[in-house]
């Protein structure tokens, strides 16, 4: 589910300003701190300045994270319910396109369990770094990690010890239909 942070960031497109960027919209980072997303959209220093879609084992970095949580996602999520922090080796390949007029990006995660016990993956998240100020109206910003999507898998994937499994994770701006 696309998070409120993603939706708020998209609203900033209407407030585009690279000459006078400032923190405008409150958003909670993956560390639980409230920041103010900045309206800076140029090609040298802001989103999507550096997108990472590799696997990460913590929420202080940006990329794709995996977890074992099962609580239904909400747009207020700021992190996964229970992050898997090790015991995996993940190779990510990316493909993008348009399906029925809706753009998408698809990540195929080849997950190798390097541990001695099976691991069940039931949630996937997408974290990116966004420029934000620490105060409303602040003109000095830094990059902080924000959860832009949290998806709970319909069918969890169990990766046996020493085994490999694949998860296809697709992001789109159209919510899945029930």
Protein backbone atom coordinates (compact mmCIF):
# COMPACT_ATOMS: atom_id res chain seq x y z
CA UNK A 1 0.00 0.00 0.00
CA UNK A 2 1.35 3.38 -0.94
CA UNK A 3 1.98 5.37 2.21
CA UNK A 4 0.77 8.80 3.20
CA UNK A 5 4.40 9.96 2.88
CA UNK A 6 4.39 8.97 -0.80
CA UNK A 7 1.11 10.78 -1.38
CA UNK A 8 2.28 13.88 0.49
CA UNK A 9 5.51 13.93 -1.47
CA UNK A 10 3.54 13.83 -4.72
CA UNK A 11 1.50 16.84 -3.54
CA UNK A 12 4.75 18.81 -3.41
CA UNK A 13 4.91 18.62 -7.20
CA UNK A 14 2.35 21.43 -7.17
CA UNK A 15 4.65 23.50 -4.95
CA UNK A 16 7.76 23.07 -7.08
CA UNK A 17 10.57 25.46 -6.22
CA UNK A 18 14.27 24.93 -6.56
CA UNK A 19 15.00 28.61 -5.89
CA UNK A 20 13.31 28.78 -2.46
CA UNK A 21 12.98 25.23 -1.11
CA UNK A 22 11.49 24.83 2.33
CA UNK A 23 10.03 22.13 4.54
CA UNK A 24 6.29 22.11 3.96
CA UNK A 25 4.55 18.83 4.69
CA UNK A 26 5.04 16.78 7.85
CA UNK A 27 6.13 13.18 7.29
CA UNK A 28 7.44 10.55 9.67
CA UNK A 29 10.78 8.98 8.79
CA UNK A 30 11.57 5.32 9.29
CA UNK A 31 13.23 6.27 12.59
CA UNK A 32 9.92 7.66 13.95
CA UNK A 33 11.01 11.32 13.76
CA UNK A 34 8.76 13.93 12.13
CA UNK A 35 10.41 15.84 9.30
CA UNK A 36 9.03 18.32 6.78
CA UNK A 37 9.30 17.28 3.14
CA UNK A 38 10.91 19.94 0.99
CA UNK A 39 9.66 21.32 -2.30
CA UNK A 40 12.98 21.01 -4.08
CA UNK A 41 12.82 19.39 -7.50
CA UNK A 42 15.94 19.91 -9.54
CA UNK A 43 18.17 17.36 -11.20
CA UNK A 44 21.19 17.71 -8.92
CA UNK A 45 20.17 17.36 -5.31
CA UNK A 46 16.73 15.93 -4.73
CA UNK A 47 14.47 12.95 -5.33
CA UNK A 48 15.01 11.03 -7.45
CA UNK A 49 18.64 12.07 -7.15
CA UNK A 50 19.79 8.63 -6.08
CA UNK A 51 17.32 5.77 -6.12
CA UNK A 52 18.33 2.47 -4.62
CA UNK A 53 16.36 -0.70 -5.19
CA UNK A 54 18.81 -3.15 -3.64
CA UNK A 55 17.92 -5.19 -0.56
CA UNK A 56 18.61 -3.57 2.79
CA UNK A 57 18.57 -5.15 6.23
CA UNK A 58 17.63 -1.99 8.15
CA UNK A 59 15.41 1.07 7.87
CA UNK A 60 18.17 3.64 8.17
CA UNK A 61 19.21 2.94 4.57
CA UNK A 62 17.09 3.05 1.44
CA UNK A 63 16.01 0.32 -0.92
CA UNK A 64 13.85 -2.79 -0.52
CA UNK A 65 13.32 -4.31 2.92
CA UNK A 66 11.79 -7.66 3.85
CA UNK A 67 9.91 -8.68 6.96
CA UNK A 68 7.78 -11.22 8.77
CA UNK A 69 4.85 -9.00 9.80
CA UNK A 70 1.28 -9.92 8.96
CA UNK A 71 -0.73 -6.89 10.09
CA UNK A 72 -2.60 -5.32 7.18
CA UNK A 73 -0.76 -2.32 5.73
CA UNK A 74 -2.10 1.21 6.18
CA UNK A 75 -1.11 4.47 4.56
CA UNK A 76 0.21 5.58 7.97
CA UNK A 77 2.92 2.88 8.05
CA UNK A 78 6.44 4.25 8.47
CA UNK A 79 8.32 0.95 8.66
CA UNK A 80 7.71 -2.78 8.42
CA UNK A 81 6.19 -4.65 11.34
CA UNK A 82 9.18 -6.99 11.77
CA UNK A 83 12.26 -6.48 9.58
CA UNK A 84 14.51 -9.37 8.59
CA UNK A 85 17.97 -8.05 9.40
CA UNK A 86 20.23 -10.86 8.25
CA UNK A 87 20.66 -14.42 7.10
CA UNK A 88 19.71 -13.59 3.52
CA UNK A 89 21.49 -12.75 0.31
CA UNK A 90 19.19 -10.96 -2.14
CA UNK A 91 19.74 -10.15 -5.80
CA UNK A 92 17.32 -7.60 -7.22
CA UNK A 93 16.53 -7.06 -10.89
CA UNK A 94 14.25 -4.28 -12.06
CA UNK A 95 11.88 -3.85 -14.98
CA UNK A 96 9.50 -0.99 -15.69
CA UNK A 97 6.74 -0.36 -18.16
CA UNK A 98 3.10 0.57 -18.64
CA UNK A 99 0.15 -1.77 -18.10
CA UNK A 100 -3.29 -0.59 -19.30
CA UNK A 101 -2.03 2.99 -19.24
CA UNK A 102 -0.64 2.77 -15.70
CA UNK A 103 3.15 2.95 -15.18
CA UNK A 104 4.76 0.31 -12.98
CA UNK A 105 8.13 -0.82 -11.76
CA UNK A 106 8.66 -4.50 -11.02
CA UNK A 107 11.40 -5.88 -8.80
CA UNK A 108 12.30 -9.55 -8.91
CA UNK A 109 13.98 -10.57 -5.66
CA UNK A 110 16.07 -13.75 -5.81
CA UNK A 111 16.38 -14.56 -2.11
CA UNK A 112 19.03 -16.98 -0.89
CA UNK A 113 18.73 -18.11 2.73
CA UNK A 114 22.29 -18.23 4.09
CA UNK A 115 21.13 -19.24 7.57
CA UNK A 116 20.55 -22.63 9.19
CA UNK A 117 16.76 -22.28 9.65
CA UNK A 118 13.97 -21.56 7.19
CA UNK A 119 12.75 -17.95 6.90
CA UNK A 120 9.19 -16.94 6.07
CA UNK A 121 8.82 -13.58 4.34
CA UNK A 122 5.38 -12.02 4.60
CA UNK A 123 5.97 -8.29 4.01
CA UNK A 124 7.98 -6.14 1.62
CA UNK A 125 8.74 -2.43 1.88
CA UNK A 126 10.22 0.26 -0.32
CA UNK A 127 12.27 3.00 1.36
CA UNK A 128 13.73 5.99 -0.44
CA UNK A 129 15.62 9.00 0.78
CA UNK A 130 13.81 12.30 0.49
CA UNK A 131 15.02 15.78 1.25
CA UNK A 132 13.38 17.19 4.36
CA UNK A 133 13.83 19.90 6.97
CA UNK A 134 13.64 19.33 10.71
CA UNK A 135 11.24 22.26 11.18
CA UNK A 136 8.14 23.46 9.37
CA UNK A 137 9.22 26.13 6.89
CA UNK A 138 12.86 25.19 7.37
CA UNK A 139 15.15 26.08 4.48
CA UNK A 140 18.01 23.77 5.38
CA UNK A 141 17.38 20.14 4.50
CA UNK A 142 19.06 16.79 4.63
CA UNK A 143 18.20 13.38 3.25
CA UNK A 144 16.24 10.98 5.44
CA UNK A 145 14.78 7.53 4.72
CA UNK A 146 10.99 7.31 4.31
CA UNK A 147 8.82 4.26 3.70
CA UNK A 148 6.92 4.82 0.45
CA UNK A 149 5.22 1.41 0.22
CA UNK A 150 4.46 -1.51 2.51
CA UNK A 151 2.97 -4.66 1.06
CA UNK A 152 1.85 -7.71 3.04
CA UNK A 153 2.04 -10.77 0.82
CA UNK A 154 -1.16 -12.68 0.16
CA UNK A 155 0.89 -15.86 0.30
CA UNK A 156 4.01 -15.66 2.50
CA UNK A 157 7.17 -17.11 0.96
CA UNK A 158 9.20 -19.61 2.98
CA UNK A 159 12.85 -19.90 2.02
CA UNK A 160 14.40 -23.11 3.38
CA UNK A 161 17.87 -23.05 4.92
CA UNK A 162 20.36 -22.98 2.08
CA UNK A 163 17.52 -22.56 -0.43
CA UNK A 164 16.45 -19.85 -2.83
CA UNK A 165 13.03 -18.36 -3.59
CA UNK A 166 11.81 -15.51 -5.77
CA UNK A 167 9.40 -12.72 -4.92
CA UNK A 168 8.00 -10.40 -7.61
CA UNK A 169 7.31 -7.01 -6.03
CA UNK A 170 5.45 -4.49 -8.21
CA UNK A 171 4.93 -0.81 -7.47
CA UNK A 172 2.26 1.17 -9.26
CA UNK A 173 0.17 4.23 -8.51
CA UNK A 174 -3.05 2.24 -8.94
CA UNK A 175 -4.11 0.43 -5.79
CA UNK A 176 -4.75 -3.28 -6.17
CA UNK A 177 -8.37 -4.20 -6.64
CA UNK A 178 -9.90 -6.74 -4.25
